[in-house]
Protein backbone atom coordinates (compact mmCIF):
# COMPACT_ATOMS: atom_id res chain seq x y z
CA MET A 1 0.00 0.00 0.00
CA LYS A 2 1.37 3.39 -0.97
CA SER A 3 1.87 6.04 1.60
CA GLN A 4 -0.41 9.07 1.57
CA GLU A 5 2.54 11.19 0.47
CA SER A 6 3.21 8.94 -2.52
CA LYS A 7 -0.44 9.08 -3.53
CA LEU A 8 -0.37 12.86 -3.35
CA LEU A 9 2.78 13.05 -5.48
CA GLU A 10 1.05 11.03 -8.21
CA ARG A 11 -1.05 14.14 -8.81
CA ILE A 12 2.06 16.02 -9.95
CA THR A 13 2.71 15.42 -13.63
CA PHE A 14 5.48 16.32 -16.05
CA ILE A 15 4.35 16.46 -19.66
CA PRO A 16 6.81 17.74 -22.26
CA GLY A 17 5.29 20.65 -24.12
CA LEU A 18 2.63 21.32 -21.49
CA MET A 19 3.34 24.52 -19.59
CA GLY A 20 6.96 24.38 -20.66
CA GLY A 21 7.47 21.02 -18.96
CA LYS A 22 6.86 22.51 -15.52
CA PRO A 23 5.24 20.29 -12.90
CA THR A 24 1.48 20.44 -13.34
CA ILE A 25 -1.52 19.18 -11.45
CA ARG A 26 -3.02 15.98 -12.89
CA GLY A 27 -1.98 16.87 -16.43
CA ASN A 28 -3.98 20.08 -16.45
CA ARG A 29 -2.72 23.51 -17.42
CA PHE A 30 -2.34 24.39 -13.75
CA THR A 31 1.20 24.36 -12.38
CA VAL A 32 2.53 23.77 -8.89
CA ILE A 33 3.86 27.32 -8.91
CA ASP A 34 0.36 28.62 -9.70
CA ILE A 35 -0.91 27.06 -6.48
CA LEU A 36 2.02 28.39 -4.47
CA GLU A 37 1.47 31.89 -5.82
CA LEU A 38 -2.22 31.77 -4.90
CA LEU A 39 -1.37 30.65 -1.37
CA SER A 40 1.34 33.27 -0.99
CA SER A 41 -1.11 35.96 -2.10
CA GLY A 42 -3.14 35.14 0.99
CA MET A 43 -5.87 33.01 -0.54
CA THR A 44 -7.20 30.20 1.62
CA HIS A 45 -7.57 26.65 0.36
CA GLU A 46 -11.31 27.19 0.23
CA GLN A 47 -10.97 30.37 -1.84
CA ILE A 48 -8.64 28.66 -4.28
CA LEU A 49 -11.00 25.72 -4.72
CA GLU A 50 -13.98 28.02 -5.19
CA GLU A 51 -12.21 30.18 -7.75
CA HIS A 52 -10.61 27.26 -9.60
CA PRO A 53 -13.11 24.36 -9.68
CA ILE A 54 -10.71 22.22 -11.74
CA LEU A 55 -8.66 21.81 -8.55
CA GLU A 56 -9.32 19.41 -5.70
CA ALA A 57 -8.23 19.82 -2.09
CA ASP A 58 -5.56 17.12 -2.46
CA ASP A 59 -4.06 19.05 -5.39
CA ILE A 60 -3.15 21.90 -3.06
CA THR A 61 -1.64 19.50 -0.54
CA ALA A 62 0.24 17.72 -3.33
CA ALA A 63 1.74 21.00 -4.52
CA LEU A 64 2.95 21.73 -0.99
CA VAL A 65 4.41 18.24 -0.50
CA PHE A 66 6.13 18.38 -3.89
CA SER A 67 7.59 21.82 -3.20
CA THR A 68 8.87 20.77 0.21
CA LYS A 69 10.57 17.73 -1.26
CA GLN A 70 12.11 19.81 -4.03
CA LEU A 71 13.56 22.22 -1.51
CA ARG A 72 14.95 19.31 0.48
CA ASP A 73 16.31 17.72 -2.71
CA GLU A 74 14.35 14.55 -1.93
CA TYR A 75 12.43 14.40 -5.18
CA ILE A 76 14.08 14.00 -8.54
CA TYR A 77 12.33 14.92 -11.77
CA GLU A 78 11.51 11.85 -13.79
């Protein structure tokens, strides 16, 4: 059984040609950095989900987990 963290990281996708190859959420045109920018602007999870119905609550958590791992050099781009 996969850990919760592993399941969350499955939501982060890398598709050449989509958004310049940046990490996206579930293959959509919504990047991890987009979520981080919304959070840093002061938006709550609820506000983000209301304004961007394509997103799910776990997408926001996945973006945070992914970013944390990147900063710790624990996650390597595949």
